[in-house]
């Protein structure tokens, strides 16, 4: 066995998984930052994004990137409407808001179960062939995932840093009361923040769809991993989330080479506990960018 090749493939797979976890975690952090609410329906928007990409690509005949864009736009609109119509009474109410999102998750999952059934479905391959990078052969379908995930994160960064709406949203996340004193109407940015957050989850699900099977039950694990990334990276720290997400993805990929799935998951949780004991405020720390 060529271990250099095996480790190279594991590294690429780990980076792909880590980028998907990062998309989930950034969206999770954004929703919490705006609404001070733990969104337990985040995984269901991941699942809806996967099904949207599946329907767009397999049934409507859309190019894969168009299907991903459709999933993101649909999640942004749906998320904004859900925040305005369902979650508005629970703004800044952490406990009741958390319970409301648990109920929302159950409703969305059962609606998906009624619409698509319990059996997993598979998408056609995004791209044929493979490319060789630094001596490592990588399927082109996985390169699509890396490039598109990185592009989405870059667009989000540019939006938050350089657009008027993005700067206002960041101000609301930092301190809604101070933002209001500056003339920013925070209530207008709650639906936007929630919509962007769940749209990132939907993009992660859409990018995952060609690599794994799609079913109504796929949201739980990504939600748990996003929660781990957010806590381990430092609540509110995008840099910390990036470090934690990529580290978690690589750890999962490397451990799967020598351990069973259940043993690898157990090892990961042990290391997470050790990491939190060593860094109680996360790898970067609360509130750092």
C-alpha atoms as a PDB file:
ATOM      1  CA  UNK A   1       0.000   0.000   0.000  1.00  0.00           C
ATOM      2  CA  UNK A   2       1.302   3.446  -0.967  1.00  0.00           C
ATOM      3  CA  UNK A   3       0.794   5.326   2.299  1.00  0.00           C
ATOM      4  CA  UNK A   4       1.773   8.659   0.756  1.00  0.00           C
ATOM      5  CA  UNK A   5      -1.113   8.331  -1.678  1.00  0.00           C
ATOM      6  CA  UNK A   6      -3.489   7.109   1.024  1.00  0.00           C
ATOM      7  CA  UNK A   7      -2.606   9.976   3.367  1.00  0.00           C
ATOM      8  CA  UNK A   8      -2.888  12.450   0.503  1.00  0.00           C
ATOM      9  CA  UNK A   9      -6.380  11.230  -0.348  1.00  0.00           C
ATOM     10  CA  UNK A  10      -7.336  11.313   3.324  1.00  0.00           C
ATOM     11  CA  UNK A  11      -6.092  14.907   3.571  1.00  0.00           C
ATOM     12  CA  UNK A  12      -8.187  15.997   0.600  1.00  0.00           C
ATOM     13  CA  UNK A  13     -11.258  14.215   1.961  1.00  0.00           C
ATOM     14  CA  UNK A  14     -10.679  15.786   5.381  1.00  0.00           C
ATOM     15  CA  UNK A  15     -10.447  19.273   3.898  1.00  0.00           C
ATOM     16  CA  UNK A  16     -13.687  18.732   1.975  1.00  0.00           C
ATOM     17  CA  UNK A  17     -15.501  17.546   5.102  1.00  0.00           C
ATOM     18  CA  UNK A  18     -13.986  20.409   7.087  1.00  0.00           C
ATOM     19  CA  UNK A  19     -15.207  23.009   4.586  1.00  0.00           C
ATOM     20  CA  UNK A  20     -18.737  21.617   4.779  1.00  0.00           C
ATOM     21  CA  UNK A  21     -18.577  21.713   8.577  1.00  0.00           C
ATOM     22  CA  UNK A  22     -17.315  25.286   8.352  1.00  0.00           C
ATOM     23  CA  UNK A  23     -20.260  26.372   6.202  1.00  0.00           C
ATOM     24  CA  UNK A  24     -22.598  24.812   8.744  1.00  0.00           C
ATOM     25  CA  UNK A  25     -20.773  26.344  11.706  1.00  0.00           C
ATOM     26  CA  UNK A  26     -20.614  29.864  10.267  1.00  0.00           C
ATOM     27  CA  UNK A  27     -24.352  29.790   9.584  1.00  0.00           C
ATOM     28  CA  UNK A  28     -25.003  28.436  13.082  1.00  0.00           C
ATOM     29  CA  UNK A  29     -22.844  31.188  14.612  1.00  0.00           C
ATOM     30  CA  UNK A  30     -24.542  33.893  12.555  1.00  0.00           C
ATOM     31  CA  UNK A  31     -28.026  32.848  13.691  1.00  0.00           C
ATOM     32  CA  UNK A  32     -26.920  32.702  17.317  1.00  0.00           C
ATOM     33  CA  UNK A  33     -25.157  36.052  17.043  1.00  0.00           C
ATOM     34  CA  UNK A  34     -28.205  37.823  15.617  1.00  0.00           C
ATOM     35  CA  UNK A  35     -30.979  36.176  17.621  1.00  0.00           C
ATOM     36  CA  UNK A  36     -29.135  34.761  20.673  1.00  0.00           C
ATOM     37  CA  UNK A  37     -30.897  31.513  19.803  1.00  0.00           C
ATOM     38  CA  UNK A  38     -29.530  27.988  19.362  1.00  0.00           C
ATOM     39  CA  UNK A  39     -31.116  26.882  16.082  1.00  0.00           C
ATOM     40  CA  UNK A  40     -31.803  23.154  16.374  1.00  0.00           C
ATOM     41  CA  UNK A  41     -33.483  23.235  12.954  1.00  0.00           C
ATOM     42  CA  UNK A  42     -30.139  24.065  11.312  1.00  0.00           C
ATOM     43  CA  UNK A  43     -29.582  20.442  10.305  1.00  0.00           C
ATOM     44  CA  UNK A  44     -32.986  20.291   8.630  1.00  0.00           C
ATOM     45  CA  UNK A  45     -32.054  23.215   6.370  1.00  0.00           C
ATOM     46  CA  UNK A  46     -28.907  21.245   5.491  1.00  0.00           C
ATOM     47  CA  UNK A  47     -31.189  18.368   4.538  1.00  0.00           C
ATOM     48  CA  UNK A  48     -33.508  20.640   2.533  1.00  0.00           C
ATOM     49  CA  UNK A  49     -30.508  22.031   0.658  1.00  0.00           C
ATOM     50  CA  UNK A  50     -29.446  18.507  -0.270  1.00  0.00           C
ATOM     51  CA  UNK A  51     -32.934  17.651  -1.532  1.00  0.00           C
ATOM     52  CA  UNK A  52     -33.187  20.964  -3.425  1.00  0.00           C
ATOM     53  CA  UNK A  53     -29.918  20.182  -5.237  1.00  0.00           C
ATOM     54  CA  UNK A  54     -31.126  16.638  -5.927  1.00  0.00           C
ATOM     55  CA  UNK A  55     -34.440  17.799  -7.375  1.00  0.00           C
ATOM     56  CA  UNK A  56     -32.825  20.600  -9.374  1.00  0.00           C
ATOM     57  CA  UNK A  57     -30.127  18.391 -10.832  1.00  0.00           C
ATOM     58  CA  UNK A  58     -31.800  14.981 -11.198  1.00  0.00           C
ATOM     59  CA  UNK A  59     -35.371  16.051 -12.040  1.00  0.00           C
ATOM     60  CA  UNK A  60     -35.186  19.563 -13.469  1.00  0.00           C
ATOM     61  CA  UNK A  61     -31.976  18.985 -15.407  1.00  0.00           C
ATOM     62  CA  UNK A  62     -30.192  22.041 -14.015  1.00  0.00           C
ATOM     63  CA  UNK A  63     -26.395  22.259 -14.003  1.00  0.00           C
ATOM     64  CA  UNK A  64     -25.038  21.380 -10.568  1.00  0.00           C
ATOM     65  CA  UNK A  65     -23.913  24.909  -9.673  1.00  0.00           C
ATOM     66  CA  UNK A  66     -27.314  26.262 -10.707  1.00  0.00           C
ATOM     67  CA  UNK A  67     -28.958  23.644  -8.483  1.00  0.00           C
ATOM     68  CA  UNK A  68     -26.761  24.720  -5.559  1.00  0.00           C
ATOM     69  CA  UNK A  69     -27.617  28.377  -6.182  1.00  0.00           C
ATOM     70  CA  UNK A  70     -31.315  27.432  -6.296  1.00  0.00           C
ATOM     71  CA  UNK A  71     -30.968  25.632  -2.953  1.00  0.00           C
ATOM     72  CA  UNK A  72     -29.260  28.660  -1.388  1.00  0.00           C
ATOM     73  CA  UNK A  73     -31.851  31.137  -2.706  1.00  0.00           C
ATOM     74  CA  UNK A  74     -34.762  28.942  -1.604  1.00  0.00           C
ATOM     75  CA  UNK A  75     -33.266  28.506   1.892  1.00  0.00           C
ATOM     76  CA  UNK A  76     -32.604  32.250   2.200  1.00  0.00           C
ATOM     77  CA  UNK A  77     -36.224  33.059   1.339  1.00  0.00           C
ATOM     78  CA  UNK A  78     -37.696  30.242   3.431  1.00  0.00           C
ATOM     79  CA  UNK A  79     -35.456  31.031   6.400  1.00  0.00           C
ATOM     80  CA  UNK A  80     -36.389  34.720   6.331  1.00  0.00           C
ATOM     81  CA  UNK A  81     -40.088  33.829   6.219  1.00  0.00           C
ATOM     82  CA  UNK A  82     -39.740  31.304   9.039  1.00  0.00           C
ATOM     83  CA  UNK A  83     -37.991  33.861  11.230  1.00  0.00           C
ATOM     84  CA  UNK A  84     -40.632  36.496  10.517  1.00  0.00           C
ATOM     85  CA  UNK A  85     -43.685  34.253  10.834  1.00  0.00           C
ATOM     86  CA  UNK A  86     -42.612  31.662  13.433  1.00  0.00           C
ATOM     87  CA  UNK A  87     -39.585  32.772  15.435  1.00  0.00           C
ATOM     88  CA  UNK A  88     -40.230  36.498  15.750  1.00  0.00           C
ATOM     89  CA  UNK A  89     -41.887  36.190  19.211  1.00  0.00           C
ATOM     90  CA  UNK A  90     -38.800  34.350  20.504  1.00  0.00           C
ATOM     91  CA  UNK A  91     -36.122  36.904  19.613  1.00  0.00           C
ATOM     92  CA  UNK A  92     -33.636  37.131  22.497  1.00  0.00           C
ATOM     93  CA  UNK A  93     -35.615  34.428  24.333  1.00  0.00           C
ATOM     94  CA  UNK A  94     -33.028  31.640  24.334  1.00  0.00           C
ATOM     95  CA  UNK A  95     -34.957  28.853  26.071  1.00  0.00           C
ATOM     96  CA  UNK A  96     -38.312  29.219  24.344  1.00  0.00           C
ATOM     97  CA  UNK A  97     -36.594  29.945  21.034  1.00  0.00           C
ATOM     98  CA  UNK A  98     -34.574  26.738  21.363  1.00  0.00           C
ATOM     99  CA  UNK A  99     -37.750  24.742  22.034  1.00  0.00           C
ATOM    100  CA  UNK A 100     -39.426  26.395  19.043  1.00  0.00           C
ATOM    101  CA  UNK A 101     -36.556  25.396  16.724  1.00  0.00           C
ATOM    102  CA  UNK A 102     -36.714  21.795  18.011  1.00  0.00           C
ATOM    103  CA  UNK A 103     -40.395  21.740  17.066  1.00  0.00           C
ATOM    104  CA  UNK A 104     -39.570  23.333  13.709  1.00  0.00           C
ATOM    105  CA  UNK A 105     -36.931  20.657  13.059  1.00  0.00           C
ATOM    106  CA  UNK A 106     -39.432  17.864  13.714  1.00  0.00           C
ATOM    107  CA  UNK A 107     -42.018  19.468  11.436  1.00  0.00           C
ATOM    108  CA  UNK A 108     -39.552  19.978   8.560  1.00  0.00           C
ATOM    109  CA  UNK A 109     -38.155  16.458   8.878  1.00  0.00           C
ATOM    110  CA  UNK A 110     -41.611  14.869   8.806  1.00  0.00           C
ATOM    111  CA  UNK A 111     -42.686  17.008   5.845  1.00  0.00           C
ATOM    112  CA  UNK A 112     -39.580  15.843   3.969  1.00  0.00           C
ATOM    113  CA  UNK A 113     -40.378  12.269   4.965  1.00  0.00           C
ATOM    114  CA  UNK A 114     -43.893  12.629   3.533  1.00  0.00           C
ATOM    115  CA  UNK A 115     -42.595  14.256   0.339  1.00  0.00           C
ATOM    116  CA  UNK A 116     -39.575  12.070  -0.432  1.00  0.00           C
ATOM    117  CA  UNK A 117     -40.042   8.905   1.605  1.00  0.00           C
ATOM    118  CA  UNK A 118     -37.568   7.282   4.012  1.00  0.00           C
ATOM    119  CA  UNK A 119     -35.249   5.658   1.474  1.00  0.00           C
ATOM    120  CA  UNK A 120     -31.953   7.389   0.601  1.00  0.00           C
ATOM    121  CA  UNK A 121     -31.531   8.681  -2.943  1.00  0.00           C
ATOM    122  CA  UNK A 122     -28.355   9.407  -4.896  1.00  0.00           C
ATOM    123  CA  UNK A 123     -27.465  12.219  -7.261  1.00  0.00           C
ATOM    124  CA  UNK A 124     -25.630  11.765 -10.554  1.00  0.00           C
ATOM    125  CA  UNK A 125     -21.921  12.555 -10.518  1.00  0.00           C
ATOM    126  CA  UNK A 126     -21.239  16.277 -10.776  1.00  0.00           C
ATOM    127  CA  UNK A 127     -18.253  15.894 -13.073  1.00  0.00           C
ATOM    128  CA  UNK A 128     -16.461  13.032 -14.746  1.00  0.00           C
ATOM    129  CA  UNK A 129     -12.782  12.206 -14.481  1.00  0.00           C
ATOM    130  CA  UNK A 130     -10.121  13.226 -12.003  1.00  0.00           C
ATOM    131  CA  UNK A 131      -7.266  15.684 -11.648  1.00  0.00           C
ATOM    132  CA  UNK A 132      -3.809  15.233 -10.190  1.00  0.00           C
ATOM    133  CA  UNK A 133      -2.618  17.780  -7.643  1.00  0.00           C
ATOM    134  CA  UNK A 134       0.830  17.407  -6.057  1.00  0.00           C
ATOM    135  CA  UNK A 135       0.819  13.758  -7.007  1.00  0.00           C
ATOM    136  CA  UNK A 136      -2.615  13.141  -5.495  1.00  0.00           C
ATOM    137  CA  UNK A 137      -5.480  12.049  -7.734  1.00  0.00           C
ATOM    138  CA  UNK A 138      -8.698  13.854  -6.809  1.00  0.00           C
ATOM    139  CA  UNK A 139     -12.098  13.240  -8.446  1.00  0.00           C
ATOM    140  CA  UNK A 140     -13.293  16.375 -10.204  1.00  0.00           C
ATOM    141  CA  UNK A 141     -16.628  16.124  -8.395  1.00  0.00           C
ATOM    142  CA  UNK A 142     -14.792  16.672  -5.096  1.00  0.00           C
ATOM    143  CA  UNK A 143     -12.809  19.579  -6.516  1.00  0.00           C
ATOM    144  CA  UNK A 144     -16.142  21.212  -7.341  1.00  0.00           C
ATOM    145  CA  UNK A 145     -17.065  21.004  -3.673  1.00  0.00           C
ATOM    146  CA  UNK A 146     -13.790  22.587  -2.506  1.00  0.00           C
ATOM    147  CA  UNK A 147     -13.877  25.443  -5.017  1.00  0.00           C
ATOM    148  CA  UNK A 148     -17.551  26.267  -4.552  1.00  0.00           C
ATOM    149  CA  UNK A 149     -17.421  26.093  -0.742  1.00  0.00           C
ATOM    150  CA  UNK A 150     -14.389  28.397  -0.695  1.00  0.00           C
ATOM    151  CA  UNK A 151     -16.131  30.790  -3.113  1.00  0.00           C
ATOM    152  CA  UNK A 152     -19.244  30.940  -0.920  1.00  0.00           C
ATOM    153  CA  UNK A 153     -17.169  31.691   2.182  1.00  0.00           C
ATOM    154  CA  UNK A 154     -15.293  34.419   0.285  1.00  0.00           C
ATOM    155  CA  UNK A 155     -18.547  36.001  -0.914  1.00  0.00           C
ATOM    156  CA  UNK A 156     -19.889  35.940   2.635  1.00  0.00           C
ATOM    157  CA  UNK A 157     -16.732  37.640   3.901  1.00  0.00           C
ATOM    158  CA  UNK A 158     -16.980  40.353   1.236  1.00  0.00           C
ATOM    159  CA  UNK A 159     -20.671  40.873   1.986  1.00  0.00           C
ATOM    160  CA  UNK A 160     -20.141  41.209   5.738  1.00  0.00           C
ATOM    161  CA  UNK A 161     -17.081  43.447   5.406  1.00  0.00           C
ATOM    162  CA  UNK A 162     -17.855  45.695   2.468  1.00  0.00           C
ATOM    163  CA  UNK A 163     -21.623  45.977   1.978  1.00  0.00           C
ATOM    164  CA  UNK A 164     -23.869  48.337   3.909  1.00  0.00           C
ATOM    165  CA  UNK A 165     -26.264  45.525   4.854  1.00  0.00           C
ATOM    166  CA  UNK A 166     -23.367  43.312   5.882  1.00  0.00           C
ATOM    167  CA  UNK A 167     -21.849  45.947   8.138  1.00  0.00           C
ATOM    168  CA  UNK A 168     -25.250  46.625   9.700  1.00  0.00           C
ATOM    169  CA  UNK A 169     -25.726  42.908  10.297  1.00  0.00           C
ATOM    170  CA  UNK A 170     -22.327  42.690  11.983  1.00  0.00           C
ATOM    171  CA  UNK A 171     -23.256  45.653  14.180  1.00  0.00           C
ATOM    172  CA  UNK A 172     -26.464  43.898  15.265  1.00  0.00           C
ATOM    173  CA  UNK A 173     -24.466  40.762  16.070  1.00  0.00           C
ATOM    174  CA  UNK A 174     -21.972  42.748  18.154  1.00  0.00           C
ATOM    175  CA  UNK A 175     -24.519  44.830  20.107  1.00  0.00           C
ATOM    176  CA  UNK A 176     -28.105  45.347  18.970  1.00  0.00           C
ATOM    177  CA  UNK A 177     -28.721  48.239  21.383  1.00  0.00           C
ATOM    178  CA  UNK A 178     -25.662  50.182  20.258  1.00  0.00           C
ATOM    179  CA  UNK A 179     -26.579  49.471  16.634  1.00  0.00           C
ATOM    180  CA  UNK A 180     -30.046  50.923  17.279  1.00  0.00           C
ATOM    181  CA  UNK A 181     -28.439  54.094  18.639  1.00  0.00           C
ATOM    182  CA  UNK A 182     -26.614  54.394  15.309  1.00  0.00           C
ATOM    183  CA  UNK A 183     -29.906  54.301  13.411  1.00  0.00           C
ATOM    184  CA  UNK A 184     -29.807  50.627  12.476  1.00  0.00           C
ATOM    185  CA  UNK A 185     -33.236  49.032  12.798  1.00  0.00           C
ATOM    186  CA  UNK A 186     -32.238  45.658  14.185  1.00  0.00           C
ATOM    187  CA  UNK A 187     -35.665  44.117  13.663  1.00  0.00           C
ATOM    188  CA  UNK A 188     -35.149  44.347   9.900  1.00  0.00           C
ATOM    189  CA  UNK A 189     -31.920  42.337  10.109  1.00  0.00           C
ATOM    190  CA  UNK A 190     -33.214  39.403  12.146  1.00  0.00           C
ATOM    191  CA  UNK A 191     -34.879  37.726   9.117  1.00  0.00           C
ATOM    192  CA  UNK A 192     -31.822  38.498   6.962  1.00  0.00           C
ATOM    193  CA  UNK A 193     -29.388  37.045   9.502  1.00  0.00           C
ATOM    194  CA  UNK A 194     -31.461  33.913  10.020  1.00  0.00           C
ATOM    195  CA  UNK A 195     -31.964  33.525   6.263  1.00  0.00           C
ATOM    196  CA  UNK A 196     -28.253  33.823   5.466  1.00  0.00           C
ATOM    197  CA  UNK A 197     -27.383  31.436   8.305  1.00  0.00           C
ATOM    198  CA  UNK A 198     -29.689  28.661   7.116  1.00  0.00           C
ATOM    199  CA  UNK A 199     -28.759  29.338   3.473  1.00  0.00           C
ATOM    200  CA  UNK A 200     -25.158  28.453   4.372  1.00  0.00           C
ATOM    201  CA  UNK A 201     -26.430  25.186   5.853  1.00  0.00           C
ATOM    202  CA  UNK A 202     -28.404  24.542   2.660  1.00  0.00           C
ATOM    203  CA  UNK A 203     -25.311  25.161   0.529  1.00  0.00           C
ATOM    204  CA  UNK A 204     -23.373  22.653   2.652  1.00  0.00           C
ATOM    205  CA  UNK A 205     -26.144  20.095   2.123  1.00  0.00           C
ATOM    206  CA  UNK A 206     -26.321  20.787  -1.610  1.00  0.00           C
ATOM    207  CA  UNK A 207     -22.562  20.352  -1.986  1.00  0.00           C
ATOM    208  CA  UNK A 208     -22.706  17.137   0.016  1.00  0.00           C
ATOM    209  CA  UNK A 209     -25.531  15.637  -2.063  1.00  0.00           C
ATOM    210  CA  UNK A 210     -23.381  14.250  -4.925  1.00  0.00           C
ATOM    211  CA  UNK A 211     -20.870  12.722  -2.480  1.00  0.00           C
ATOM    212  CA  UNK A 212     -23.251  10.890  -0.148  1.00  0.00           C
ATOM    213  CA  UNK A 213     -26.837   9.708  -0.218  1.00  0.00           C
ATOM    214  CA  UNK A 214     -29.717  12.060   0.586  1.00  0.00           C
ATOM    215  CA  UNK A 215     -32.555  11.277   2.994  1.00  0.00           C
ATOM    216  CA  UNK A 216     -34.786  13.135   5.485  1.00  0.00           C
ATOM    217  CA  UNK A 217     -32.550  11.987   8.349  1.00  0.00           C
ATOM    218  CA  UNK A 218     -29.171  13.364   7.276  1.00  0.00           C
ATOM    219  CA  UNK A 219     -29.358  16.640   9.221  1.00  0.00           C
ATOM    220  CA  UNK A 220     -28.611  15.391  12.743  1.00  0.00           C
ATOM    221  CA  UNK A 221     -24.920  14.572  12.345  1.00  0.00           C
ATOM    222  CA  UNK A 222     -23.929  17.828  10.558  1.00  0.00           C
ATOM    223  CA  UNK A 223     -25.830  19.806  13.220  1.00  0.00           C
ATOM    224  CA  UNK A 224     -23.907  18.039  15.978  1.00  0.00           C
ATOM    225  CA  UNK A 225     -20.581  18.592  14.210  1.00  0.00           C
ATOM    226  CA  UNK A 226     -21.397  22.275  13.620  1.00  0.00           C
ATOM    227  CA  UNK A 227     -22.192  22.657  17.312  1.00  0.00           C
ATOM    228  CA  UNK A 228     -18.859  21.031  18.197  1.00  0.00           C
ATOM    229  CA  UNK A 229     -17.002  23.327  15.793  1.00  0.00           C
ATOM    230  CA  UNK A 230     -18.667  26.457  17.180  1.00  0.00           C
ATOM    231  CA  UNK A 231     -17.954  25.564  20.805  1.00  0.00           C
ATOM    232  CA  UNK A 232     -14.440  24.253  20.188  1.00  0.00           C
ATOM    233  CA  UNK A 233     -13.487  27.177  17.973  1.00  0.00           C
ATOM    234  CA  UNK A 234     -14.815  29.786  20.392  1.00  0.00           C
ATOM    235  CA  UNK A 235     -18.347  31.122  20.255  1.00  0.00           C
ATOM    236  CA  UNK A 236     -18.455  34.089  17.888  1.00  0.00           C
ATOM    237  CA  UNK A 237     -15.002  33.476  16.398  1.00  0.00           C
ATOM    238  CA  UNK A 238     -14.991  32.818  12.651  1.00  0.00           C
ATOM    239  CA  UNK A 239     -11.237  32.146  12.674  1.00  0.00           C
ATOM    240  CA  UNK A 240     -11.673  29.706  15.540  1.00  0.00           C
ATOM    241  CA  UNK A 241     -14.512  27.977  13.694  1.00  0.00           C
ATOM    242  CA  UNK A 242     -12.321  27.630  10.589  1.00  0.00           C
ATOM    243  CA  UNK A 243      -9.469  26.080  12.577  1.00  0.00           C
ATOM    244  CA  UNK A 244     -11.822  23.750  14.453  1.00  0.00           C
ATOM    245  CA  UNK A 245     -13.784  22.711  11.330  1.00  0.00           C
ATOM    246  CA  UNK A 246     -10.723  21.866   9.240  1.00  0.00           C
ATOM    247  CA  UNK A 247      -9.079  20.099  12.189  1.00  0.00           C
ATOM    248  CA  UNK A 248     -12.215  18.053  12.838  1.00  0.00           C
ATOM    249  CA  UNK A 249     -12.533  17.127   9.159  1.00  0.00           C
ATOM    250  CA  UNK A 250      -8.904  16.014   8.952  1.00  0.00           C
ATOM    251  CA  UNK A 251      -9.144  14.100  12.225  1.00  0.00           C
ATOM    252  CA  UNK A 252     -12.232  12.235  11.010  1.00  0.00           C
ATOM    253  CA  UNK A 253     -10.595  11.395   7.705  1.00  0.00           C
ATOM    254  CA  UNK A 254      -7.300  10.204   9.207  1.00  0.00           C
ATOM    255  CA  UNK A 255      -8.921   8.186  11.980  1.00  0.00           C
ATOM    256  CA  UNK A 256     -11.175   6.392   9.494  1.00  0.00           C
ATOM    257  CA  UNK A 257      -8.057   4.838   7.933  1.00  0.00           C
ATOM    258  CA  UNK A 258      -7.317   2.726  10.994  1.00  0.00           C
ATOM    259  CA  UNK A 259     -10.486   2.775  13.119  1.00  0.00           C
ATOM    260  CA  UNK A 260     -14.111   1.800  12.691  1.00  0.00           C
ATOM    261  CA  UNK A 261     -16.646   4.608  12.337  1.00  0.00           C
ATOM    262  CA  UNK A 262     -18.003   4.221  15.874  1.00  0.00           C
ATOM    263  CA  UNK A 263     -14.529   4.088  17.409  1.00  0.00           C
ATOM    264  CA  UNK A 264     -13.405   7.110  15.394  1.00  0.00           C
ATOM    265  CA  UNK A 265     -16.452   9.102  16.561  1.00  0.00           C
ATOM    266  CA  UNK A 266     -15.751   8.139  20.173  1.00  0.00           C
ATOM    267  CA  UNK A 267     -12.117   9.243  19.804  1.00  0.00           C
ATOM    268  CA  UNK A 268     -13.206  12.569  18.326  1.00  0.00           C
ATOM    269  CA  UNK A 269     -15.529  13.301  21.242  1.00  0.00           C
ATOM    270  CA  UNK A 270     -12.792  12.393  23.731  1.00  0.00           C
ATOM    271  CA  UNK A 271     -10.429  14.816  22.004  1.00  0.00           C
ATOM    272  CA  UNK A 272     -13.122  17.511  21.954  1.00  0.00           C
ATOM    273  CA  UNK A 273     -13.577  17.164  25.717  1.00  0.00           C
ATOM    274  CA  UNK A 274      -9.810  17.351  26.215  1.00  0.00           C
ATOM    275  CA  UNK A 275      -9.657  20.404  23.952  1.00  0.00           C
ATOM    276  CA  UNK A 276     -12.376  22.188  25.927  1.00  0.00           C
ATOM    277  CA  UNK A 277     -10.613  21.376  29.199  1.00  0.00           C
ATOM    278  CA  UNK A 278      -7.408  22.879  27.782  1.00  0.00           C
ATOM    279  CA  UNK A 279      -9.144  25.851  26.109  1.00  0.00           C
ATOM    280  CA  UNK A 280     -12.391  26.573  28.045  1.00  0.00           C
ATOM    281  CA  UNK A 281     -13.176  29.610  25.874  1.00  0.00           C
ATOM    282  CA  UNK A 282     -12.370  27.822  22.629  1.00  0.00           C
ATOM    283  CA  UNK A 283      -9.276  27.764  20.451  1.00  0.00           C
ATOM    284  CA  UNK A 284      -9.494  31.489  19.664  1.00  0.00           C
ATOM    285  CA  UNK A 285     -11.833  32.802  22.328  1.00  0.00           C
ATOM    286  CA  UNK A 286     -15.210  34.454  22.522  1.00  0.00           C
ATOM    287  CA  UNK A 287     -15.871  37.421  20.372  1.00  0.00           C
ATOM    288  CA  UNK A 288     -12.705  37.434  18.309  1.00  0.00           C
ATOM    289  CA  UNK A 289     -12.983  37.671  14.526  1.00  0.00           C
END
